[in-house]
PDB file of all heavy atoms in Angstrom:
ATOM      1  N   ASP A   1      21.089 -39.120  24.893  1.00  0.00           N
ATOM      2  CA  ASP A   1      21.845 -37.929  25.466  1.00  0.00           C
ATOM      3  C   ASP A   1      23.238 -38.025  25.039  1.00  0.00           C
ATOM      4  O   ASP A   1      24.093 -37.134  25.566  1.00  0.00           O
ATOM      5  CB  ASP A   1      21.754 -38.022  27.042  1.00  0.00           C
ATOM      6  CG  ASP A   1      22.425 -39.249  27.640  1.00  0.00           C
ATOM      7  OD1 ASP A   1      22.847 -40.132  26.886  1.00  0.00           O
ATOM      8  OD2 ASP A   1      22.484 -39.352  28.934  1.00  0.00           O
ATOM      9  N   GLY A   2      23.701 -38.844  24.208  1.00  0.00           N
ATOM     10  CA  GLY A   2      25.101 -38.881  23.661  1.00  0.00           C
ATOM     11  C   GLY A   2      26.019 -39.721  24.442  1.00  0.00           C
ATOM     12  O   GLY A   2      27.136 -39.944  24.091  1.00  0.00           O
ATOM     13  N   THR A   3      25.567 -40.462  25.483  1.00  0.00           N
ATOM     14  CA  THR A   3      26.335 -41.322  26.268  1.00  0.00           C
ATOM     15  C   THR A   3      26.342 -42.699  25.657  1.00  0.00           C
ATOM     16  O   THR A   3      25.481 -42.965  24.738  1.00  0.00           O
ATOM     17  CB  THR A   3      25.891 -41.414  27.760  1.00  0.00           C
ATOM     18  OG1 THR A   3      24.542 -41.948  27.807  1.00  0.00           O
ATOM     19  CG2 THR A   3      26.026 -40.060  28.475  1.00  0.00           C
ATOM     20  N   CYS A   4      27.203 -43.570  26.096  1.00  0.00           N
ATOM     21  CA  CYS A   4      27.288 -44.925  25.470  1.00  0.00           C
ATOM     22  C   CYS A   4      26.869 -45.930  26.627  1.00  0.00           C
ATOM     23  O   CYS A   4      27.415 -45.948  27.675  1.00  0.00           O
ATOM     24  CB  CYS A   4      28.678 -45.233  25.073  1.00  0.00           C
ATOM     25  SG  CYS A   4      29.223 -44.237  23.690  1.00  0.00           S
ATOM     26  N   ALA A   5      25.882 -46.767  26.276  1.00  0.00           N
ATOM     27  CA  ALA A   5      25.379 -47.747  27.254  1.00  0.00           C
ATOM     28  C   ALA A   5      25.781 -49.096  26.722  1.00  0.00           C
ATOM     29  O   ALA A   5      25.673 -49.450  25.558  1.00  0.00           O
ATOM     30  CB  ALA A   5      23.880 -47.655  27.402  1.00  0.00           C
ATOM     31  N   SER A   6      26.077 -49.995  27.741  1.00  0.00           N
ATOM     32  CA  SER A   6      26.485 -51.380  27.404  1.00  0.00           C
ATOM     33  C   SER A   6      25.293 -52.058  26.771  1.00  0.00           C
ATOM     34  O   SER A   6      24.171 -51.924  27.212  1.00  0.00           O
ATOM     35  CB  SER A   6      26.969 -52.116  28.666  1.00  0.00           C
ATOM     36  OG  SER A   6      27.197 -53.424  28.307  1.00  0.00           O
ATOM     37  N   SER A   7      25.607 -52.820  25.721  1.00  0.00           N
ATOM     38  CA  SER A   7      24.474 -53.620  25.138  1.00  0.00           C
ATOM     39  C   SER A   7      24.959 -54.905  24.599  1.00  0.00           C
ATOM     40  O   SER A   7      25.800 -54.876  23.643  1.00  0.00           O
ATOM     41  CB  SER A   7      23.876 -52.726  23.930  1.00  0.00           C
ATOM     42  OG  SER A   7      23.129 -53.565  23.104  1.00  0.00           O
ATOM     43  N   ARG A   8      24.631 -55.948  25.183  1.00  0.00           N
ATOM     44  CA  ARG A   8      25.122 -57.277  24.754  1.00  0.00           C
ATOM     45  C   ARG A   8      24.641 -57.547  23.360  1.00  0.00           C
ATOM     46  O   ARG A   8      25.399 -58.233  22.622  1.00  0.00           O
ATOM     47  CB  ARG A   8      24.571 -58.363  25.727  1.00  0.00           C
ATOM     48  CG  ARG A   8      25.275 -58.231  27.069  1.00  0.00           C
ATOM     49  CD  ARG A   8      24.984 -59.294  27.987  1.00  0.00           C
ATOM     50  NE  ARG A   8      25.781 -59.042  29.142  1.00  0.00           N
ATOM     51  CZ  ARG A   8      25.890 -59.836  30.220  1.00  0.00           C
ATOM     52  NH1 ARG A   8      25.246 -60.949  30.102  1.00  0.00           N
ATOM     53  NH2 ARG A   8      26.560 -59.510  31.237  1.00  0.00           N
ATOM     54  N   THR A   9      23.500 -57.138  22.946  1.00  0.00           N
ATOM     55  CA  THR A   9      23.009 -57.422  21.654  1.00  0.00           C
ATOM     56  C   THR A   9      23.872 -56.609  20.646  1.00  0.00           C
ATOM     57  O   THR A   9      24.183 -57.155  19.572  1.00  0.00           O
ATOM     58  CB  THR A   9      21.490 -57.054  21.449  1.00  0.00           C
ATOM     59  OG1 THR A   9      21.326 -55.793  22.153  1.00  0.00           O
ATOM     60  CG2 THR A   9      20.663 -58.073  22.114  1.00  0.00           C
ATOM     61  N   CYS A  10      24.287 -55.425  21.009  1.00  0.00           N
ATOM     62  CA  CYS A  10      25.140 -54.621  20.141  1.00  0.00           C
ATOM     63  C   CYS A  10      26.518 -55.339  19.936  1.00  0.00           C
ATOM     64  O   CYS A  10      27.013 -55.441  18.840  1.00  0.00           O
ATOM     65  CB  CYS A  10      25.423 -53.249  20.669  1.00  0.00           C
ATOM     66  SG  CYS A  10      24.229 -52.021  20.028  1.00  0.00           S
ATOM     67  N   ALA A  11      27.074 -55.877  20.992  1.00  0.00           N
ATOM     68  CA  ALA A  11      28.372 -56.554  20.965  1.00  0.00           C
ATOM     69  C   ALA A  11      28.260 -57.731  19.997  1.00  0.00           C
ATOM     70  O   ALA A  11      29.198 -58.069  19.303  1.00  0.00           O
ATOM     71  CB  ALA A  11      28.707 -57.057  22.355  1.00  0.00           C
ATOM     72  N   MET A  12      27.090 -58.413  19.982  1.00  0.00           N
ATOM     73  CA  MET A  12      26.925 -59.558  19.100  1.00  0.00           C
ATOM     74  C   MET A  12      26.915 -59.085  17.628  1.00  0.00           C
ATOM     75  O   MET A  12      27.388 -59.845  16.714  1.00  0.00           O
ATOM     76  CB  MET A  12      25.699 -60.384  19.557  1.00  0.00           C
ATOM     77  CG  MET A  12      25.842 -61.061  20.822  1.00  0.00           C
ATOM     78  SD  MET A  12      24.355 -61.404  21.635  1.00  0.00           S
ATOM     79  CE  MET A  12      23.869 -62.913  20.641  1.00  0.00           C
ATOM     80  N   VAL A  13      26.320 -57.943  17.391  1.00  0.00           N
ATOM     81  CA  VAL A  13      26.233 -57.484  16.041  1.00  0.00           C
ATOM     82  C   VAL A  13      27.566 -57.015  15.441  1.00  0.00           C
ATOM     83  O   VAL A  13      27.774 -57.094  14.250  1.00  0.00           O
ATOM     84  CB  VAL A  13      25.120 -56.325  15.865  1.00  0.00           C
ATOM     85  CG1 VAL A  13      24.981 -55.830  14.514  1.00  0.00           C
ATOM     86  CG2 VAL A  13      23.791 -56.890  16.322  1.00  0.00           C
ATOM     87  N   ASN A  14      28.390 -56.461  16.313  1.00  0.00           N
ATOM     88  CA  ASN A  14      29.719 -56.029  15.914  1.00  0.00           C
ATOM     89  C   ASN A  14      29.696 -54.922  14.810  1.00  0.00           C
ATOM     90  O   ASN A  14      30.298 -55.078  13.707  1.00  0.00           O
ATOM     91  CB  ASN A  14      30.599 -57.253  15.402  1.00  0.00           C
ATOM     92  CG  ASN A  14      32.049 -56.974  15.346  1.00  0.00           C
ATOM     93  OD1 ASN A  14      32.566 -55.990  15.928  1.00  0.00           O
ATOM     94  ND2 ASN A  14      32.853 -57.702  14.636  1.00  0.00           N
ATOM     95  N   CYS A  15      29.074 -53.805  15.207  1.00  0.00           N
ATOM     96  CA  CYS A  15      28.947 -52.669  14.258  1.00  0.00           C
ATOM     97  C   CYS A  15      30.281 -51.844  14.140  1.00  0.00           C
ATOM     98  O   CYS A  15      30.980 -51.749  15.239  1.00  0.00           O
ATOM     99  CB  CYS A  15      27.901 -51.681  14.707  1.00  0.00           C
ATOM    100  SG  CYS A  15      26.182 -52.500  14.645  1.00  0.00           S
ATOM    101  N   GLN A  16      30.538 -51.299  13.059  1.00  0.00           N
ATOM    102  CA  GLN A  16      31.790 -50.483  12.862  1.00  0.00           C
ATOM    103  C   GLN A  16      31.733 -49.156  13.696  1.00  0.00           C
ATOM    104  O   GLN A  16      32.658 -48.752  14.332  1.00  0.00           O
ATOM    105  CB  GLN A  16      31.964 -50.143  11.344  1.00  0.00           C
ATOM    106  CG  GLN A  16      33.214 -49.367  11.091  1.00  0.00           C
ATOM    107  CD  GLN A  16      33.371 -48.902   9.644  1.00  0.00           C
ATOM    108  OE1 GLN A  16      32.388 -49.008   8.916  1.00  0.00           O
ATOM    109  NE2 GLN A  16      34.490 -48.412   9.296  1.00  0.00           N
ATOM    110  N   TYR A  17      30.518 -48.607  13.693  1.00  0.00           N
ATOM    111  CA  TYR A  17      30.350 -47.247  14.310  1.00  0.00           C
ATOM    112  C   TYR A  17      29.284 -47.248  15.505  1.00  0.00           C
ATOM    113  O   TYR A  17      28.594 -46.286  15.670  1.00  0.00           O
ATOM    114  CB  TYR A  17      29.968 -46.133  13.357  1.00  0.00           C
ATOM    115  CG  TYR A  17      31.068 -45.733  12.425  1.00  0.00           C
ATOM    116  CD1 TYR A  17      30.959 -46.106  11.018  1.00  0.00           C
ATOM    117  CD2 TYR A  17      32.172 -45.007  12.786  1.00  0.00           C
ATOM    118  CE1 TYR A  17      31.930 -45.707  10.173  1.00  0.00           C
ATOM    119  CE2 TYR A  17      33.195 -44.665  11.962  1.00  0.00           C
ATOM    120  CZ  TYR A  17      33.027 -45.002  10.639  1.00  0.00           C
ATOM    121  OH  TYR A  17      34.081 -44.631   9.804  1.00  0.00           O
ATOM    122  N   GLY A  18      29.022 -48.403  16.132  1.00  0.00           N
ATOM    123  CA  GLY A  18      28.055 -48.495  17.177  1.00  0.00           C
ATOM    124  C   GLY A  18      26.707 -48.773  16.577  1.00  0.00           C
ATOM    125  O   GLY A  18      26.477 -48.790  15.405  1.00  0.00           O
ATOM    126  N   CYS A  19      25.747 -48.848  17.545  1.00  0.00           N
ATOM    127  CA  CYS A  19      24.381 -49.162  17.055  1.00  0.00           C
ATOM    128  C   CYS A  19      23.298 -48.585  17.980  1.00  0.00           C
ATOM    129  O   CYS A  19      23.648 -47.996  18.938  1.00  0.00           O
ATOM    130  CB  CYS A  19      24.259 -50.678  16.926  1.00  0.00           C
ATOM    131  SG  CYS A  19      24.476 -51.477  18.594  1.00  0.00           S
ATOM    132  N   GLU A  20      22.053 -48.866  17.596  1.00  0.00           N
ATOM    133  CA  GLU A  20      20.958 -48.493  18.462  1.00  0.00           C
ATOM    134  C   GLU A  20      19.891 -49.635  18.436  1.00  0.00           C
ATOM    135  O   GLU A  20      19.921 -50.365  17.458  1.00  0.00           O
ATOM    136  CB  GLU A  20      20.334 -47.157  17.900  1.00  0.00           C
ATOM    137  CG  GLU A  20      19.668 -47.259  16.565  1.00  0.00           C
ATOM    138  CD  GLU A  20      19.085 -45.870  16.124  1.00  0.00           C
ATOM    139  OE1 GLU A  20      19.044 -45.023  16.883  1.00  0.00           O
ATOM    140  OE2 GLU A  20      18.571 -45.960  14.984  1.00  0.00           O
ATOM    141  N   GLU A  21      19.098 -49.636  19.527  1.00  0.00           N
ATOM    142  CA  GLU A  21      18.088 -50.698  19.580  1.00  0.00           C
ATOM    143  C   GLU A  21      16.751 -50.048  19.416  1.00  0.00           C
ATOM    144  O   GLU A  21      16.403 -49.031  20.066  1.00  0.00           O
ATOM    145  CB  GLU A  21      18.174 -51.397  20.931  1.00  0.00           C
ATOM    146  CG  GLU A  21      19.202 -52.461  21.017  1.00  0.00           C
ATOM    147  CD  GLU A  21      19.206 -53.181  22.265  1.00  0.00           C
ATOM    148  OE1 GLU A  21      18.204 -54.075  22.461  1.00  0.00           O
ATOM    149  OE2 GLU A  21      20.063 -52.996  23.136  1.00  0.00           O
ATOM    150  N   VAL A  22      16.028 -50.500  18.359  1.00  0.00           N
ATOM    151  CA  VAL A  22      14.671 -50.007  18.162  1.00  0.00           C
ATOM    152  C   VAL A  22      13.701 -51.195  18.157  1.00  0.00           C
ATOM    153  O   VAL A  22      13.810 -52.097  17.397  1.00  0.00           O
ATOM    154  CB  VAL A  22      14.587 -49.316  16.719  1.00  0.00           C
ATOM    155  CG1 VAL A  22      13.185 -48.689  16.527  1.00  0.00           C
ATOM    156  CG2 VAL A  22      15.621 -48.197  16.637  1.00  0.00           C
ATOM    157  N   LYS A  23      12.791 -51.081  19.252  1.00  0.00           N
ATOM    158  CA  LYS A  23      11.760 -52.132  19.410  1.00  0.00           C
ATOM    159  C   LYS A  23      12.406 -53.521  19.425  1.00  0.00           C
ATOM    160  O   LYS A  23      12.014 -54.446  18.742  1.00  0.00           O
ATOM    161  CB  LYS A  23      10.679 -52.088  18.334  1.00  0.00           C
ATOM    162  CG  LYS A  23       9.869 -50.808  18.435  1.00  0.00           C
ATOM    163  CD  LYS A  23       8.913 -50.656  17.313  1.00  0.00           C
ATOM    164  CE  LYS A  23       8.167 -49.393  17.271  1.00  0.00           C
ATOM    165  NZ  LYS A  23       7.581 -48.976  15.982  1.00  0.00           N
ATOM    166  N   GLY A  24      13.553 -53.642  20.180  1.00  0.00           N
ATOM    167  CA  GLY A  24      14.129 -54.907  20.307  1.00  0.00           C
ATOM    168  C   GLY A  24      15.067 -55.286  19.156  1.00  0.00           C
ATOM    169  O   GLY A  24      15.770 -56.334  19.176  1.00  0.00           O
ATOM    170  N   GLN A  25      15.009 -54.527  18.087  1.00  0.00           N
ATOM    171  CA  GLN A  25      15.826 -54.854  16.888  1.00  0.00           C
ATOM    172  C   GLN A  25      17.142 -54.023  17.044  1.00  0.00           C
ATOM    173  O   GLN A  25      17.048 -52.809  17.353  1.00  0.00           O
ATOM    174  CB  GLN A  25      15.181 -54.429  15.616  1.00  0.00           C
ATOM    175  CG  GLN A  25      13.974 -55.317  15.224  1.00  0.00           C
ATOM    176  CD  GLN A  25      14.495 -56.687  14.670  1.00  0.00           C
ATOM    177  OE1 GLN A  25      14.655 -57.637  15.495  1.00  0.00           O
ATOM    178  NE2 GLN A  25      14.735 -56.654  13.396  1.00  0.00           N
ATOM    179  N   VAL A  26      18.318 -54.620  16.667  1.00  0.00           N
ATOM    180  CA  VAL A  26      19.526 -53.943  16.767  1.00  0.00           C
ATOM    181  C   VAL A  26      19.903 -53.389  15.383  1.00  0.00           C
ATOM    182  O   VAL A  26      19.816 -54.191  14.349  1.00  0.00           O
ATOM    183  CB  VAL A  26      20.605 -54.768  17.297  1.00  0.00           C
ATOM    184  CG1 VAL A  26      22.008 -54.110  17.181  1.00  0.00           C
ATOM    185  CG2 VAL A  26      20.342 -55.263  18.717  1.00  0.00           C
ATOM    186  N   GLN A  27      20.162 -52.066  15.234  1.00  0.00           N
ATOM    187  CA  GLN A  27      20.537 -51.511  13.985  1.00  0.00           C
ATOM    188  C   GLN A  27      21.862 -50.821  14.009  1.00  0.00           C
ATOM    189  O   GLN A  27      22.128 -50.044  14.959  1.00  0.00           O
ATOM    190  CB  GLN A  27      19.506 -50.475  13.518  1.00  0.00           C
ATOM    191  CG  GLN A  27      18.362 -50.946  12.790  1.00  0.00           C
ATOM    192  CD  GLN A  27      17.482 -49.820  12.362  1.00  0.00           C
ATOM    193  OE1 GLN A  27      17.170 -48.830  13.151  1.00  0.00           O
ATOM    194  NE2 GLN A  27      16.992 -49.893  11.137  1.00  0.00           N
ATOM    195  N   CYS A  28      22.817 -51.133  13.143  1.00  0.00           N
ATOM    196  CA  CYS A  28      24.076 -50.402  13.120  1.00  0.00           C
ATOM    197  C   CYS A  28      23.927 -48.985  12.601  1.00  0.00           C
ATOM    198  O   CYS A  28      22.924 -48.755  11.845  1.00  0.00           O
ATOM    199  CB  CYS A  28      25.091 -51.133  12.217  1.00  0.00           C
ATOM    200  SG  CYS A  28      25.505 -52.745  12.831  1.00  0.00           S
ATOM    201  N   LEU A  29      24.766 -48.107  13.096  1.00  0.00           N
ATOM    202  CA  LEU A  29      24.584 -46.674  12.698  1.00  0.00           C
ATOM    203  C   LEU A  29      25.775 -46.167  11.908  1.00  0.00           C
ATOM    204  O   LEU A  29      26.908 -46.699  12.033  1.00  0.00           O
ATOM    205  CB  LEU A  29      24.477 -45.792  13.954  1.00  0.00           C
ATOM    206  CG  LEU A  29      23.264 -46.022  14.826  1.00  0.00           C
ATOM    207  CD1 LEU A  29      23.459 -45.135  16.130  1.00  0.00           C
ATOM    208  CD2 LEU A  29      22.033 -45.471  14.158  1.00  0.00           C
ATOM    209  N   CYS A  30      25.556 -45.190  11.112  1.00  0.00           N
ATOM    210  CA  CYS A  30      26.656 -44.470  10.371  1.00  0.00           C
ATOM    211  C   CYS A  30      26.723 -43.073  10.951  1.00  0.00           C
ATOM    212  O   CYS A  30      25.724 -42.395  11.140  1.00  0.00           O
ATOM    213  CB  CYS A  30      26.535 -44.439   8.896  1.00  0.00           C
ATOM    214  SG  CYS A  30      26.713 -46.108   8.183  1.00  0.00           S
ATOM    215  N   PRO A  31      27.965 -42.491  11.229  1.00  0.00           N
ATOM    216  CA  PRO A  31      28.023 -41.159  11.862  1.00  0.00           C
ATOM    217  C   PRO A  31      27.765 -40.010  10.907  1.00  0.00           C
ATOM    218  O   PRO A  31      27.782 -38.855  11.457  1.00  0.00           O
ATOM    219  CB  PRO A  31      29.475 -41.116  12.334  1.00  0.00           C
ATOM    220  CG  PRO A  31      30.162 -42.037  11.409  1.00  0.00           C
ATOM    221  CD  PRO A  31      29.304 -43.082  10.996  1.00  0.00           C
ATOM    222  N   SER A  32      27.497 -40.219   9.669  1.00  0.00           N
ATOM    223  CA  SER A  32      27.171 -39.103   8.780  1.00  0.00           C
ATOM    224  C   SER A  32      26.120 -39.500   7.769  1.00  0.00           C
ATOM    225  O   SER A  32      26.068 -40.586   7.382  1.00  0.00           O
ATOM    226  CB  SER A  32      28.532 -38.685   8.108  1.00  0.00           C
ATOM    227  OG  SER A  32      28.255 -38.091   6.875  1.00  0.00           O
ATOM    228  N   GLY A  33      25.382 -38.514   7.318  1.00  0.00           N
ATOM    229  CA  GLY A  33      24.332 -38.772   6.276  1.00  0.00           C
ATOM    230  C   GLY A  33      24.932 -39.050   4.939  1.00  0.00           C
ATOM    231  O   GLY A  33      24.310 -39.584   4.062  1.00  0.00           O
ATOM    232  N   GLY A  34      26.257 -38.857   4.835  1.00  0.00           N
ATOM    233  CA  GLY A  34      26.896 -39.150   3.501  1.00  0.00           C
ATOM    234  C   GLY A  34      27.478 -40.548   3.467  1.00  0.00           C
ATOM    235  O   GLY A  34      28.213 -40.899   2.640  1.00  0.00           O
ATOM    236  N   LEU A  35      27.157 -41.296   4.571  1.00  0.00           N
ATOM    237  CA  LEU A  35      27.554 -42.718   4.628  1.00  0.00           C
ATOM    238  C   LEU A  35      26.364 -43.562   4.721  1.00  0.00           C
ATOM    239  O   LEU A  35      25.264 -43.208   5.224  1.00  0.00           O
ATOM    240  CB  LEU A  35      28.432 -42.951   5.908  1.00  0.00           C
ATOM    241  CG  LEU A  35      29.751 -42.225   6.016  1.00  0.00           C
ATOM    242  CD1 LEU A  35      30.285 -42.399   7.385  1.00  0.00           C
ATOM    243  CD2 LEU A  35      30.709 -42.650   4.962  1.00  0.00           C
ATOM    244  N   GLN A  36      26.435 -44.805   4.131  1.00  0.00           N
ATOM    245  CA  GLN A  36      25.356 -45.730   4.307  1.00  0.00           C
ATOM    246  C   GLN A  36      25.842 -47.096   4.732  1.00  0.00           C
ATOM    247  O   GLN A  36      27.017 -47.362   4.563  1.00  0.00           O
ATOM    248  CB  GLN A  36      24.479 -45.819   2.981  1.00  0.00           C
ATOM    249  CG  GLN A  36      25.369 -46.439   1.785  1.00  0.00           C
ATOM    250  CD  GLN A  36      24.656 -46.369   0.528  1.00  0.00           C
ATOM    251  OE1 GLN A  36      23.607 -45.729   0.379  1.00  0.00           O
ATOM    252  NE2 GLN A  36      25.190 -47.091  -0.519  1.00  0.00           N
TER     253      GLN A  36
END
């Protein structure tokens, strides 16, 4: 829904632009399709 939820696992990964958890795996995100 666009909100930000606390995630201890995300804090440990230290992503530049935030992250998401998929099936227990933490993945960093990029805010644009022109970034990888």
